[in-house]
Amino acid sequence: MPLEEAAAHRRAPPLTDAVQARIDEDVRRAAYRIIEGKGATYYGIGAGGLARLVAAIGGDERSVHSVSIMTPEVEGIATCPPCPCRASWAKAVCRAT
């Protein structure tokens, strides 16, 4: 979905050139802000995913997320395959694919 269409769908203010430039700059500088705060960028990936999952559960969105869970053995190898998981306030339901 194009960015302008997504913004209109969410009833967001129009995406002017200035707004798009700010978004572009924020995305490009995100890694530097993470490094300044945490010392490394690898914390940003987990923190963002965790924040999204907490928001989904707290808002009872019943949205589906890819969640990795440790399995004892798949084809002779211990692994963490991603599984679709529906997150809601009442419970999280995960099913192996």
C-alpha atoms as a PDB file:
ATOM      1  CA  MET A   1       0.000   0.000   0.000  1.00  0.00           C
ATOM      2  CA  PRO A   2       1.485   3.389  -0.920  1.00  0.00           C
ATOM      3  CA  LEU A   3       2.366   5.637   2.014  1.00  0.00           C
ATOM      4  CA  GLU A   4      -0.119   8.337   1.000  1.00  0.00           C
ATOM      5  CA  GLU A   5      -2.921   5.771   0.805  1.00  0.00           C
ATOM      6  CA  ALA A   6      -2.022   4.316   4.209  1.00  0.00           C
ATOM      7  CA  ALA A   7      -2.029   7.809   5.758  1.00  0.00           C
ATOM      8  CA  ALA A   8      -5.416   8.606   4.234  1.00  0.00           C
ATOM      9  CA  HIS A   9      -6.786   5.269   5.471  1.00  0.00           C
ATOM     10  CA  ARG A  10      -5.688   6.167   9.019  1.00  0.00           C
ATOM     11  CA  ARG A  11      -7.104   9.687   8.609  1.00  0.00           C
ATOM     12  CA  ALA A  12      -3.639  11.118   9.239  1.00  0.00           C
ATOM     13  CA  PRO A  13      -2.698  14.657   8.214  1.00  0.00           C
ATOM     14  CA  PRO A  14      -1.537  15.034   4.596  1.00  0.00           C
ATOM     15  CA  LEU A  15       1.981  13.851   3.857  1.00  0.00           C
ATOM     16  CA  THR A  16       3.616  17.081   2.781  1.00  0.00           C
ATOM     17  CA  ASP A  17       7.177  17.185   1.495  1.00  0.00           C
ATOM     18  CA  ALA A  18       8.295  18.423   4.929  1.00  0.00           C
ATOM     19  CA  VAL A  19       6.572  15.533   6.730  1.00  0.00           C
ATOM     20  CA  GLN A  20       8.064  12.981   4.327  1.00  0.00           C
ATOM     21  CA  ALA A  21      11.516  14.542   4.777  1.00  0.00           C
ATOM     22  CA  ARG A  22      11.167  14.294   8.577  1.00  0.00           C
ATOM     23  CA  ILE A  23      10.104  10.636   8.342  1.00  0.00           C
ATOM     24  CA  ASP A  24      13.041   9.924   6.040  1.00  0.00           C
ATOM     25  CA  GLU A  25      15.497  11.602   8.418  1.00  0.00           C
ATOM     26  CA  ASP A  26      14.032   9.852  11.481  1.00  0.00           C
ATOM     27  CA  VAL A  27      14.379   6.440   9.828  1.00  0.00           C
ATOM     28  CA  ARG A  28      17.926   7.144   8.689  1.00  0.00           C
ATOM     29  CA  ARG A  29      18.963   8.367  12.165  1.00  0.00           C
ATOM     30  CA  ALA A  30      17.206   5.623  14.160  1.00  0.00           C
ATOM     31  CA  ALA A  31      20.297   3.412  14.400  1.00  0.00           C
ATOM     32  CA  TYR A  32      22.384   6.296  15.741  1.00  0.00           C
ATOM     33  CA  ARG A  33      19.777   7.077  18.414  1.00  0.00           C
ATOM     34  CA  ILE A  34      19.752   3.425  19.472  1.00  0.00           C
ATOM     35  CA  ILE A  35      23.558   3.357  19.657  1.00  0.00           C
ATOM     36  CA  GLU A  36      23.555   6.562  21.724  1.00  0.00           C
ATOM     37  CA  GLY A  37      21.027   5.102  24.158  1.00  0.00           C
ATOM     38  CA  LYS A  38      22.055   1.454  24.333  1.00  0.00           C
ATOM     39  CA  GLY A  39      25.523   1.242  22.817  1.00  0.00           C
ATOM     40  CA  ALA A  40      24.542  -1.098  19.967  1.00  0.00           C
ATOM     41  CA  THR A  41      21.862  -1.436  17.285  1.00  0.00           C
ATOM     42  CA  TYR A  42      20.901  -5.052  17.986  1.00  0.00           C
ATOM     43  CA  TYR A  43      18.836  -3.896  20.983  1.00  0.00           C
ATOM     44  CA  GLY A  44      16.562  -1.906  18.664  1.00  0.00           C
ATOM     45  CA  ILE A  45      15.177  -4.938  16.858  1.00  0.00           C
ATOM     46  CA  GLY A  46      14.038  -6.749  20.003  1.00  0.00           C
ATOM     47  CA  ALA A  47      12.782  -3.610  21.702  1.00  0.00           C
ATOM     48  CA  GLY A  48      10.635  -2.610  18.724  1.00  0.00           C
ATOM     49  CA  GLY A  49       9.138  -6.069  18.357  1.00  0.00           C
ATOM     50  CA  LEU A  50       8.478  -6.370  22.062  1.00  0.00           C
ATOM     51  CA  ALA A  51       6.854  -2.925  22.187  1.00  0.00           C
ATOM     52  CA  ARG A  52       4.580  -3.867  19.271  1.00  0.00           C
ATOM     53  CA  LEU A  53       3.593  -7.151  20.913  1.00  0.00           C
ATOM     54  CA  VAL A  54       2.854  -5.418  24.248  1.00  0.00           C
ATOM     55  CA  ALA A  55       0.718  -2.823  22.440  1.00  0.00           C
ATOM     56  CA  ALA A  56      -1.209  -5.583  20.647  1.00  0.00           C
ATOM     57  CA  ILE A  57      -1.908  -7.447  23.881  1.00  0.00           C
ATOM     58  CA  GLY A  58      -2.701  -4.285  25.868  1.00  0.00           C
ATOM     59  CA  GLY A  59      -5.068  -3.064  23.149  1.00  0.00           C
ATOM     60  CA  ASP A  60      -6.662  -6.505  22.788  1.00  0.00           C
ATOM     61  CA  GLU A  61      -6.062  -6.269  19.031  1.00  0.00           C
ATOM     62  CA  ARG A  62      -6.187 -10.015  18.400  1.00  0.00           C
ATOM     63  CA  SER A  63      -3.511  -9.386  15.791  1.00  0.00           C
ATOM     64  CA  VAL A  64      -1.260 -12.113  14.420  1.00  0.00           C
ATOM     65  CA  HIS A  65       2.498 -11.935  15.004  1.00  0.00           C
ATOM     66  CA  SER A  66       5.391 -14.175  14.096  1.00  0.00           C
ATOM     67  CA  VAL A  67       6.760 -15.507  17.380  1.00  0.00           C
ATOM     68  CA  SER A  68       9.708 -17.877  17.680  1.00  0.00           C
ATOM     69  CA  ILE A  69       9.509 -20.596  20.290  1.00  0.00           C
ATOM     70  CA  MET A  70      12.174 -23.125  21.231  1.00  0.00           C
ATOM     71  CA  THR A  71      11.363 -26.625  20.061  1.00  0.00           C
ATOM     72  CA  PRO A  72      13.188 -29.593  21.514  1.00  0.00           C
ATOM     73  CA  GLU A  73      14.088 -30.996  18.141  1.00  0.00           C
ATOM     74  CA  VAL A  74      13.150 -30.490  14.509  1.00  0.00           C
ATOM     75  CA  GLU A  75      14.825 -32.852  12.077  1.00  0.00           C
ATOM     76  CA  GLY A  76      17.413 -33.651  14.768  1.00  0.00           C
ATOM     77  CA  ILE A  77      18.287 -30.014  15.527  1.00  0.00           C
ATOM     78  CA  ALA A  78      17.126 -27.856  18.465  1.00  0.00           C
ATOM     79  CA  THR A  79      15.748 -24.699  16.875  1.00  0.00           C
ATOM     80  CA  CYS A  80      13.423 -21.697  17.273  1.00  0.00           C
ATOM     81  CA  PRO A  81      11.093 -21.744  14.264  1.00  0.00           C
ATOM     82  CA  PRO A  82       8.706 -18.808  13.809  1.00  0.00           C
ATOM     83  CA  CYS A  83       5.050 -19.624  14.445  1.00  0.00           C
ATOM     84  CA  PRO A  84       2.005 -17.432  13.837  1.00  0.00           C
ATOM     85  CA  CYS A  85       0.599 -16.266  17.165  1.00  0.00           C
ATOM     86  CA  ARG A  86      -2.639 -14.378  17.773  1.00  0.00           C
ATOM     87  CA  ALA A  87      -2.149 -12.030  20.714  1.00  0.00           C
ATOM     88  CA  SER A  88      -5.032 -10.722  22.812  1.00  0.00           C
ATOM     89  CA  TRP A  89      -5.619  -9.657  26.400  1.00  0.00           C
ATOM     90  CA  ALA A  90      -7.208 -12.976  27.349  1.00  0.00           C
ATOM     91  CA  LYS A  91      -4.578 -15.288  25.868  1.00  0.00           C
ATOM     92  CA  ALA A  92      -1.984 -15.869  23.211  1.00  0.00           C
ATOM     93  CA  VAL A  93      -2.664 -18.723  20.819  1.00  0.00           C
ATOM     94  CA  CYS A  94       0.305 -20.038  18.861  1.00  0.00           C
ATOM     95  CA  ARG A  95       0.213 -22.755  16.258  1.00  0.00           C
ATOM     96  CA  ALA A  96       3.175 -24.395  14.593  1.00  0.00           C
ATOM     97  CA  THR A  97       3.025 -24.230  10.824  1.00  0.00           C
END
